[in-house]
Every structure is written in structure tokens, then in C-alpha cells.
Amino acid sequence: CPSCDAEPAQIGACLAGDALLAPQLAASPGLRVPGALCGFELALRAVLGQQVSVRAATTLAGRLVAAFGAPLPGPLQTGGLTHSTPTPTRLAAASVEAIAAIGLPRRRAECVRALAAAFASGELRLRPGEDAAQVSAALLSLPGIGPWTAEYIAMRALRCPDAFPAGDLGVQRALGVRGARDAEARAEAWRPFRAYAVMHLWGTLSTSGATPA
């Protein structure tokens, strides 16, 4: 999985033959895909980040936590941290209108509530080792979750080494292609380590001064 037990030599051997990735591999050998301590929080932030800037997503996450999270005891409030992430049960019990009040379109508020309900019921579990295909199918069945979100969650929460968000505009920009289908075709040679390739592709945007989508 894309964590501390990854095999950098094996991953590098798979990706280094690509002229686009080779410089990034040389500059960042052993690059990992960052995981997530809490699958629900990661999924929640992925949904909040749909079609908005990183700054806007951070603002929305802060509002959601302030509205539905539990205040932390005084001694734990350090560095601006005041609340814990809302629990799935709390968000599942909230109305769509209350969730939308943080500044979300109604459809995205419905998505947040449906995601929380799936977690609260045990229908959805996001942790390393879960079957990626089954989890993806469960995610895609929720309103407002598409392939990009499902693949991004698989990368981070499931630590799936071959997850590939082909619809990511940053990935497409780095590849010089237009559309998810072309990105998928371009990435076929990187199996089973496409998630690592994504990290390096985002890296090419950072070094070029562009901003990953």
C-alpha cells in the first residue's frame, strides 16, 4: 500500500521508463501517497473540496466543524484547534438545510448527509485493506459522488496503489491531455502504481508554478 511499507525500488522501476515521470522520480525518490488517519474525515473533505479551491474547501471544513463538531476540552485547544470533526452519526441526523447553511449547494449538502448516513449505518467503511471495487461501488451509489471523488478516496483512505483519478484537471494538465479517457489510456503503462504516478504528476505542476486541481 502507498505507506511506509511501500517498495520504492519496485515502484520506481515501473514508472521510471516514462519520460514525463523520470525527472520527478529522480527529484523525489521514494515519494509516498499520503494516507489518512480517519477515512470518514478524508471522504468528508474530498466532498467539500469538489469544484472549489483548496482555500474555499478549508473554509467550508472549518464552518462544518464549528457547526457540528464537538468542542474540545480546554487543555486540548492548541494552535487554533477548538473542535473535533463531526461524527457520522451527528451529520446523518442533521437536516440537509442545516448542512447547506455553511455555504454548500443543496446537492452537496445532500451528499455530505448521505455519506455520513452510510458510515453511521456501517454500510460504508474506509480503511486500508477494504476491497477497492466494492468501496468504489458504494461511494458511487451516493448522490453527488463521482469517479474523481471515489478514486481520490481510494488513494488516500484505502491506500490503494493503483487508484487513479483520471478526471482530475491537474493530472490531465500535467499529461497534456483533455478528458478522463485520454488520461486513463496514458496511465495504463503505470499499473499497478498509478497512485504514485499521480503524486509525481502533481509534482510537475508544482515545479512549473501551476496549481494542481
Protein backbone atom coordinates (compact mmCIF):
# COMPACT_ATOMS: atom_id res chain seq x y z
CA CYS A 1 0.00 0.00 0.00
CA PRO A 2 1.16 3.61 -0.50
CA SER A 3 2.52 3.97 3.01
CA CYS A 4 5.69 3.16 4.91
CA ASP A 5 5.73 -0.44 3.71
CA ALA A 6 5.84 0.57 0.03
CA GLU A 7 8.72 -0.68 -2.12
CA PRO A 8 10.34 2.42 -3.69
CA ALA A 9 12.65 0.41 -5.96
CA GLN A 10 9.76 -1.58 -7.40
CA ILE A 11 7.62 1.50 -7.88
CA GLY A 12 10.50 3.42 -9.43
CA ALA A 13 11.29 0.60 -11.84
CA CYS A 14 7.67 0.63 -13.02
CA LEU A 15 7.45 4.38 -13.55
CA ALA A 16 10.99 5.47 -14.49
CA GLY A 17 10.63 4.44 -18.12
CA ASP A 18 8.19 7.29 -18.69
CA ALA A 19 9.97 10.43 -19.88
CA LEU A 20 7.47 12.68 -18.12
CA LEU A 21 7.82 10.98 -14.75
CA ALA A 22 11.54 10.24 -14.80
CA PRO A 23 12.70 13.74 -13.71
CA GLN A 24 10.21 13.77 -10.84
CA LEU A 25 11.29 10.31 -9.73
CA ALA A 26 14.90 11.48 -9.69
CA ALA A 27 13.99 14.63 -7.75
CA SER A 28 11.70 12.88 -5.26
CA PRO A 29 12.82 9.26 -4.91
CA GLY A 30 10.66 7.18 -2.62
CA LEU A 31 7.72 9.60 -2.77
CA ARG A 32 4.72 8.16 -0.91
CA VAL A 33 0.99 8.68 -1.27
CA PRO A 34 -0.20 10.29 1.98
CA GLY A 35 -2.76 8.17 3.80
CA ALA A 36 -5.41 9.28 6.27
CA LEU A 37 -5.93 8.57 9.95
CA CYS A 38 -9.71 8.82 9.59
CA GLY A 39 -11.39 7.60 6.42
CA PHE A 40 -14.61 9.47 7.14
CA GLU A 41 -12.84 12.80 7.65
CA LEU A 42 -10.85 12.28 4.45
CA ALA A 43 -14.02 11.49 2.49
CA LEU A 44 -15.80 14.46 4.01
CA ARG A 45 -13.01 16.83 3.00
CA ALA A 46 -12.95 15.32 -0.50
CA VAL A 47 -16.65 16.08 -0.92
CA LEU A 48 -16.25 19.61 0.45
CA GLY A 49 -13.39 20.14 -2.00
CA GLN A 50 -15.38 19.28 -5.11
CA GLN A 51 -15.21 22.04 -7.73
CA VAL A 52 -13.80 24.66 -5.33
CA SER A 53 -10.33 25.94 -4.49
CA VAL A 54 -8.28 24.50 -1.65
CA ARG A 55 -8.83 27.72 0.30
CA ALA A 56 -12.59 27.55 -0.16
CA ALA A 57 -12.66 23.87 0.84
CA THR A 58 -10.69 24.69 4.00
CA THR A 59 -13.16 27.45 4.86
CA LEU A 60 -16.12 25.10 4.38
CA ALA A 61 -14.47 22.41 6.51
CA GLY A 62 -13.95 24.92 9.30
CA ARG A 63 -17.58 26.01 9.17
CA LEU A 64 -18.79 22.40 9.22
CA VAL A 65 -16.64 21.58 12.23
CA ALA A 66 -17.77 24.70 14.07
CA ALA A 67 -21.43 23.90 13.39
CA PHE A 68 -21.46 20.15 14.01
CA GLY A 69 -18.21 19.19 15.73
CA ALA A 70 -17.80 18.72 19.47
CA PRO A 71 -15.84 21.37 21.40
CA LEU A 72 -12.54 20.04 22.71
CA PRO A 73 -11.62 20.31 26.40
CA GLY A 74 -9.62 23.45 27.15
CA PRO A 75 -6.22 21.72 27.54
CA LEU A 76 -6.56 20.22 24.04
CA GLN A 77 -7.32 23.53 22.35
CA THR A 78 -3.93 24.37 20.93
CA GLY A 79 -2.80 26.01 17.73
CA GLY A 80 -6.30 27.20 16.89
CA LEU A 81 -7.81 23.72 17.28
CA THR A 82 -11.15 24.05 19.09
CA HIS A 83 -13.46 21.27 17.85
CA SER A 84 -13.29 17.65 16.74
CA THR A 85 -14.53 16.55 13.33
CA PRO A 86 -18.30 15.91 13.30
CA THR A 87 -19.18 12.27 13.76
CA PRO A 88 -21.08 10.41 11.03
CA THR A 89 -24.00 9.97 13.45
CA ARG A 90 -24.22 13.71 14.13
CA LEU A 91 -24.16 14.67 10.46
CA ALA A 92 -26.56 11.90 9.46
CA ALA A 93 -29.08 13.27 11.99
CA ALA A 94 -28.75 16.84 10.71
CA SER A 95 -31.11 18.25 8.12
CA VAL A 96 -29.91 18.99 4.61
CA GLU A 97 -30.88 22.62 5.19
CA ALA A 98 -28.68 22.86 8.29
CA ILE A 99 -25.69 21.40 6.45
CA ALA A 100 -26.26 23.64 3.44
CA ALA A 101 -26.26 26.67 5.76
CA ILE A 102 -22.44 26.55 5.97
CA GLY A 103 -22.38 27.69 2.35
CA LEU A 104 -22.90 24.47 0.39
CA PRO A 105 -25.16 23.94 -2.62
CA ARG A 106 -28.10 21.76 -1.64
CA ARG A 107 -26.89 18.84 -3.74
CA ARG A 108 -23.53 18.82 -1.99
CA ALA A 109 -25.22 19.08 1.39
CA GLU A 110 -27.28 16.02 0.44
CA CYS A 111 -24.04 14.26 -0.46
CA VAL A 112 -22.49 15.07 2.93
CA ARG A 113 -25.56 13.75 4.74
CA ALA A 114 -25.74 10.59 2.61
CA LEU A 115 -22.03 9.92 3.16
CA ALA A 116 -22.46 10.32 6.91
CA ALA A 117 -25.52 8.05 6.93
CA ALA A 118 -23.63 5.32 5.05
CA PHE A 119 -20.86 5.48 7.65
CA ALA A 120 -23.23 5.63 10.60
CA SER A 121 -25.10 2.54 9.41
CA GLY A 122 -21.89 0.58 8.81
CA GLU A 123 -22.72 0.28 5.11
CA LEU A 124 -19.50 2.09 4.20
CA ARG A 125 -16.07 1.56 5.73
CA LEU A 126 -12.98 3.36 4.52
CA ARG A 127 -9.81 1.78 5.81
CA PRO A 128 -6.77 0.04 4.35
CA GLY A 129 -7.47 -3.49 3.22
CA GLU A 130 -11.09 -2.94 2.20
CA ASP A 131 -11.99 -4.16 -1.28
CA ALA A 132 -11.45 -1.12 -3.51
CA ALA A 133 -14.00 -2.17 -6.13
CA GLN A 134 -16.74 -2.71 -3.54
CA VAL A 135 -15.97 0.55 -1.75
CA SER A 136 -15.93 2.44 -5.05
CA ALA A 137 -19.31 0.99 -5.99
CA ALA A 138 -20.73 2.02 -2.61
CA LEU A 139 -19.35 5.53 -2.95
CA LEU A 140 -20.63 5.96 -6.50
CA SER A 141 -24.11 4.93 -5.36
CA LEU A 142 -24.26 8.02 -3.12
CA PRO A 143 -25.72 11.23 -4.57
CA GLY A 144 -23.05 13.69 -5.62
CA ILE A 145 -20.06 11.34 -5.61
CA GLY A 146 -18.44 10.66 -8.97
CA PRO A 147 -15.36 8.80 -10.19
CA TRP A 148 -12.88 11.55 -9.22
CA THR A 149 -14.01 11.58 -5.60
CA ALA A 150 -14.15 7.78 -5.37
CA GLU A 151 -10.65 7.35 -6.80
CA TYR A 152 -9.18 10.10 -4.64
CA ILE A 153 -10.67 8.47 -1.53
CA ALA A 154 -9.26 5.10 -2.66
CA MET A 155 -5.81 6.71 -2.97
CA ARG A 156 -5.82 8.27 0.48
CA ALA A 157 -8.17 6.29 2.73
CA LEU A 158 -7.88 2.78 1.27
CA ARG A 159 -4.22 3.32 0.33
CA CYS A 160 -4.89 1.67 -2.99
CA PRO A 161 -1.64 1.85 -5.02
CA ASP A 162 -3.40 1.74 -8.38
CA ALA A 163 -6.15 4.29 -7.74
CA PHE A 164 -6.21 6.88 -10.49
CA PRO A 165 -8.47 9.97 -10.52
CA ALA A 166 -8.46 10.34 -14.29
CA GLY A 167 -10.91 13.23 -14.12
CA ASP A 168 -8.51 15.38 -12.11
CA LEU A 169 -7.77 18.52 -14.10
CA GLY A 170 -4.27 18.74 -12.65
CA VAL A 171 -3.47 15.23 -13.82
CA GLN A 172 -4.83 15.99 -17.28
CA ARG A 173 -2.87 19.24 -17.42
CA ALA A 174 0.36 17.51 -16.43
CA LEU A 175 -0.22 14.81 -19.05
CA GLY A 176 -1.15 17.30 -21.75
CA VAL A 177 -4.42 15.52 -22.48
CA ARG A 178 -8.06 16.56 -22.46
CA GLY A 179 -10.52 14.24 -20.81
CA ALA A 180 -10.51 11.29 -18.43
CA ARG A 181 -10.46 8.71 -21.20
CA ASP A 182 -7.19 10.03 -22.63
CA ALA A 183 -5.69 10.20 -19.14
CA GLU A 184 -6.69 6.59 -18.48
CA ALA A 185 -5.06 5.47 -21.72
CA ARG A 186 -1.87 7.37 -20.96
CA ALA A 187 -1.65 5.87 -17.47
CA GLU A 188 -2.20 2.26 -18.47
CA ALA A 189 1.55 1.53 -18.52
CA TRP A 190 1.88 2.63 -14.88
CA ARG A 191 -0.21 -0.17 -13.41
CA PRO A 192 -0.21 -1.24 -10.60
CA PHE A 193 1.27 2.01 -9.24
CA ARG A 194 -0.84 4.71 -10.82
CA ALA A 195 -1.49 6.41 -7.46
CA TYR A 196 2.23 7.10 -7.14
CA ALA A 197 2.30 8.43 -10.67
CA VAL A 198 -0.44 10.88 -9.68
CA MET A 199 1.74 12.25 -6.89
CA HIS A 200 4.59 12.78 -9.33
CA LEU A 201 2.27 14.37 -11.89
CA TRP A 202 1.06 16.84 -9.29
CA GLY A 203 4.73 17.44 -8.53
CA THR A 204 5.38 18.51 -12.12
CA LEU A 205 2.70 21.18 -11.72
CA SER A 206 4.28 22.43 -8.51
CA THR A 207 7.72 22.76 -10.09
CA SER A 208 6.24 24.51 -13.12
CA GLY A 209 4.38 27.01 -10.95
CA ALA A 210 0.96 25.65 -11.89
CA THR A 211 -1.61 24.66 -9.28
CA PRO A 212 -2.95 21.09 -9.09
CA ALA A 213 -6.74 20.90 -9.44
